[in-house]
Amino acid sequence: MFITFEGIEGCGKSTQITLLADALQQAGQRVLLTREPGGCPIANQIRSVLLDAANTALVPMAELMLYAAARAQHLAEVIRPTLSDGAIVLCDRFSDATRAYQSFGRGLDRQTIETLNDLACNGISPDLTLLLDCPVEVGLGRARQRIESTSGPREERFELESLAFHQRVRDGYLQLAAEEPDRFVTVDATGQPDQVARAISDALLPRLVVPA
């Protein structure tokens, strides 16, 4: 089963996907936890370009193509083999992030994005997408706090975007969820981590299809 986590900056995806991976592993399931952009050495190198705030000259179309390239590598090297092996794959962001950020956020043509996603994904799509939703002010406040407390590379190119940009991204995510209600589960991410984790568990368990 392929499960993706989506949402704006600071919505708590990274915390919640780790909690879910731990819970599934404790229940005896084989789980791979990965992320985009990244997930393998080549895609990680692309990630460093995409998220570096110094790369202010990166134009939206080049940004889009870099995401597609990273995704194609990640799928071929990590996601597809793991799914073929029968494990559960949990991915922090996937193709819906490209729709939300590059189409709704940047204003790129959605059909162009769908074409690139189709080429990169080559038939792979999530079975379930958990959308962690919160107001942009809440998410950005959390994200900036996280960045300031991190000693590693400051991956903040998107956090430095305008409030209006992040609102467009959030609105885009909510529209995507409305378009595919069978795949998306929208979770209120404004609560404490344990509350959000319970809501995710309650939403996931009826849908989880794993080997006996």
Protein backbone atom coordinates (compact mmCIF):
# COMPACT_ATOMS: atom_id res chain seq x y z
CA MET A 1 0.00 0.00 0.00
CA PHE A 2 1.26 3.44 -0.96
CA ILE A 3 0.27 6.20 1.50
CA THR A 4 1.28 9.83 1.06
CA PHE A 5 1.21 12.75 3.49
CA GLU A 6 0.52 16.23 2.15
CA GLY A 7 0.00 19.74 3.49
CA ILE A 8 1.44 23.22 3.73
CA GLU A 9 4.72 24.08 5.43
CA GLY A 10 4.59 23.39 9.17
CA CYS A 11 1.43 21.28 9.11
CA GLY A 12 3.18 18.46 11.00
CA LYS A 13 3.63 15.91 8.19
CA SER A 14 7.11 14.84 9.21
CA THR A 15 6.08 14.27 12.83
CA GLN A 16 2.92 12.39 11.96
CA ILE A 17 4.39 10.19 9.24
CA THR A 18 7.10 9.07 11.68
CA LEU A 19 4.50 8.30 14.37
CA LEU A 20 2.47 6.27 11.87
CA ALA A 21 5.52 4.35 10.65
CA ASP A 22 6.40 3.46 14.23
CA ALA A 23 2.84 2.32 14.96
CA LEU A 24 2.66 0.15 11.84
CA GLN A 25 6.03 -1.42 12.54
CA GLN A 26 5.01 -2.19 16.12
CA ALA A 27 1.94 -3.90 14.65
CA GLY A 28 4.23 -6.17 12.63
CA GLN A 29 4.04 -4.49 9.24
CA ARG A 30 6.99 -3.90 6.95
CA VAL A 31 7.17 -0.17 6.33
CA LEU A 32 9.38 2.13 4.27
CA LEU A 33 9.41 5.79 5.30
CA THR A 34 10.60 8.17 2.58
CA ARG A 35 10.15 11.75 1.38
CA GLU A 36 10.07 14.08 -1.61
CA PRO A 37 11.99 15.74 -2.96
CA GLY A 38 14.64 13.23 -2.05
CA GLY A 39 14.49 9.63 -0.89
CA CYS A 40 17.62 8.45 -2.72
CA PRO A 41 21.08 9.95 -3.39
CA ILE A 42 20.37 11.54 -6.79
CA ALA A 43 16.99 12.94 -5.70
CA ASN A 44 18.61 14.24 -2.51
CA GLN A 45 21.03 16.25 -4.62
CA ILE A 46 18.11 17.74 -6.52
CA ARG A 47 16.42 18.50 -3.18
CA SER A 48 19.40 20.60 -2.12
CA VAL A 49 18.91 22.78 -5.21
CA LEU A 50 15.14 23.07 -4.85
CA LEU A 51 15.06 24.04 -1.18
CA ASP A 52 18.13 26.28 -0.98
CA ALA A 53 16.89 29.84 -0.34
CA ALA A 54 19.94 31.18 -2.19
CA ASN A 55 18.51 29.89 -5.49
CA THR A 56 16.27 32.89 -6.06
CA ALA A 57 16.85 32.77 -9.83
CA LEU A 58 15.19 29.36 -10.20
CA VAL A 59 12.22 29.88 -12.50
CA PRO A 60 8.91 28.00 -11.97
CA MET A 61 9.25 25.79 -15.08
CA ALA A 62 12.77 24.70 -14.14
CA GLU A 63 11.54 24.08 -10.59
CA LEU A 64 8.75 21.89 -11.94
CA MET A 65 11.10 19.84 -14.11
CA LEU A 66 13.52 19.31 -11.23
CA TYR A 67 10.68 17.93 -9.11
CA ALA A 68 9.69 15.58 -11.94
CA ALA A 69 13.26 14.38 -12.36
CA ALA A 70 13.66 13.74 -8.63
CA ARG A 71 10.34 11.87 -8.56
CA ALA A 72 11.22 9.64 -11.52
CA GLN A 73 14.49 8.63 -9.85
CA HIS A 74 12.86 8.11 -6.45
CA LEU A 75 10.14 5.92 -7.91
CA ALA A 76 12.51 3.78 -9.96
CA GLU A 77 15.10 3.35 -7.24
CA VAL A 78 13.00 3.18 -4.06
CA ILE A 79 9.21 3.27 -4.22
CA ARG A 80 8.41 0.83 -7.02
CA PRO A 81 10.78 -1.94 -5.79
CA THR A 82 9.48 -1.60 -2.23
CA LEU A 83 5.84 -1.83 -3.29
CA SER A 84 6.67 -4.82 -5.49
CA ASP A 85 8.19 -6.45 -2.42
CA GLY A 86 4.87 -6.13 -0.59
CA ALA A 87 5.79 -3.48 1.99
CA ILE A 88 3.84 -0.37 2.94
CA VAL A 89 5.38 2.85 1.60
CA LEU A 90 4.80 6.08 3.53
CA CYS A 91 5.94 9.14 1.59
CA ASP A 92 6.22 12.70 2.93
CA ARG A 93 4.88 14.61 -0.12
CA PHE A 94 4.37 13.23 -3.62
CA SER A 95 2.69 14.30 -6.87
CA ASP A 96 -0.09 16.27 -5.14
CA ALA A 97 2.57 18.62 -3.74
CA THR A 98 3.56 19.46 -7.32
CA ARG A 99 -0.07 20.20 -8.17
CA ALA A 100 -0.55 22.36 -5.08
CA TYR A 101 2.74 24.27 -5.17
CA GLN A 102 3.57 24.58 -8.86
CA SER A 103 0.03 24.90 -10.26
CA PHE A 104 -2.02 26.61 -7.55
CA GLY A 105 0.96 28.33 -5.94
CA ARG A 106 3.12 29.27 -8.94
CA GLY A 107 0.33 29.45 -11.52
CA LEU A 108 1.79 26.94 -13.98
CA ASP A 109 -0.59 25.19 -16.35
CA ARG A 110 -2.11 22.22 -14.59
CA GLN A 111 -2.26 20.04 -17.69
CA THR A 112 1.48 20.49 -18.17
CA ILE A 113 1.98 19.39 -14.57
CA GLU A 114 -0.29 16.37 -15.05
CA THR A 115 1.68 15.36 -18.15
CA LEU A 116 5.00 15.56 -16.29
CA ASN A 117 3.57 13.73 -13.28
CA ASP A 118 2.31 10.96 -15.55
CA LEU A 119 5.73 10.61 -17.16
CA ALA A 120 7.57 10.61 -13.83
CA CYS A 121 5.15 8.31 -12.00
CA ASN A 122 4.76 5.79 -14.84
CA GLY A 123 1.56 4.26 -13.47
CA ILE A 124 2.24 4.60 -9.74
CA SER A 125 -0.22 6.64 -7.67
CA PRO A 126 -1.06 6.75 -3.96
CA ASP A 127 -3.71 4.42 -2.56
CA LEU A 128 -4.41 6.92 0.21
CA THR A 129 -3.40 10.53 0.77
CA LEU A 130 -3.58 12.11 4.22
CA LEU A 131 -3.91 15.89 3.95
CA LEU A 132 -2.90 17.62 7.17
CA ASP A 133 -4.68 20.96 7.08
CA CYS A 134 -4.11 24.07 9.16
CA PRO A 135 -4.21 27.86 8.66
CA VAL A 136 -1.17 29.18 6.86
CA GLU A 137 -0.24 31.47 9.76
CA VAL A 138 -0.10 28.47 12.10
CA GLY A 139 1.92 26.35 9.70
CA LEU A 140 4.44 29.05 8.81
CA GLY A 141 4.94 29.88 12.48
CA ARG A 142 5.78 26.25 13.20
CA ALA A 143 8.01 25.96 10.13
CA ARG A 144 10.05 29.03 11.01
CA GLN A 145 10.46 27.81 14.57
CA ARG A 146 11.72 24.47 13.25
CA ILE A 147 14.18 26.12 10.85
CA GLU A 148 15.62 28.35 13.57
CA SER A 149 16.21 25.33 15.81
CA THR A 150 17.90 23.26 13.08
CA SER A 151 21.68 23.18 12.82
CA GLY A 152 21.80 21.66 9.33
CA PRO A 153 21.13 23.26 5.93
CA ARG A 154 18.38 25.91 6.05
CA GLU A 155 15.85 24.42 3.62
CA GLU A 156 13.64 27.50 3.59
CA ARG A 157 13.15 28.61 -0.02
CA PHE A 158 9.40 27.99 0.20
CA GLU A 159 8.99 29.25 3.76
CA LEU A 160 10.24 32.64 2.53
CA GLU A 161 7.39 32.90 0.01
CA SER A 162 4.53 35.33 0.67
CA LEU A 163 1.51 34.57 2.82
CA ALA A 164 -0.64 34.83 -0.32
CA PHE A 165 1.44 32.11 -2.01
CA HIS A 166 0.96 29.74 0.92
CA GLN A 167 -2.76 30.50 1.02
CA ARG A 168 -3.03 29.55 -2.65
CA VAL A 169 -1.20 26.30 -1.89
CA ARG A 170 -3.56 25.51 0.99
CA ASP A 171 -6.61 26.31 -1.13
CA GLY A 172 -5.17 24.11 -3.88
CA TYR A 173 -4.75 21.18 -1.53
CA LEU A 174 -8.34 21.52 -0.33
CA GLN A 175 -9.56 21.62 -3.94
CA LEU A 176 -7.56 18.49 -4.78
CA ALA A 177 -9.09 16.72 -1.77
CA ALA A 178 -12.56 17.73 -2.91
CA GLU A 179 -11.85 16.40 -6.41
CA GLU A 180 -10.76 12.96 -5.13
CA PRO A 181 -12.66 12.25 -1.89
CA ASP A 182 -12.10 8.51 -2.17
CA ARG A 183 -8.32 8.91 -2.05
CA PHE A 184 -7.92 11.91 0.24
CA VAL A 185 -8.56 12.07 3.98
CA THR A 186 -8.33 15.60 5.37
CA VAL A 187 -7.16 15.82 8.98
CA ASP A 188 -7.31 18.89 11.24
CA ALA A 189 -3.63 19.52 12.03
CA THR A 190 -4.12 22.34 14.53
CA GLY A 191 -4.23 20.09 17.61
CA GLN A 192 -1.48 18.55 19.70
CA PRO A 193 0.59 15.82 17.97
CA ASP A 194 -1.09 12.99 19.90
CA GLN A 195 -4.54 14.29 18.97
CA VAL A 196 -3.62 14.51 15.29
CA ALA A 197 -2.07 11.02 15.43
CA ARG A 198 -5.32 9.59 16.81
CA ALA A 199 -7.31 11.27 14.05
CA ILE A 200 -4.95 9.80 11.45
CA SER A 201 -5.23 6.34 12.98
CA ASP A 202 -9.03 6.56 13.06
CA ALA A 203 -9.08 7.59 9.41
CA LEU A 204 -6.52 5.07 8.26
CA LEU A 205 -7.51 1.82 9.94
CA PRO A 206 -10.79 1.29 8.01
CA ARG A 207 -8.92 1.82 4.74
CA LEU A 208 -5.71 -0.06 5.46
CA VAL A 209 -5.25 -3.09 3.26
CA VAL A 210 -2.26 -5.18 4.32
CA PRO A 211 -1.35 -8.85 4.01
CA ALA A 212 -2.74 -11.06 6.78
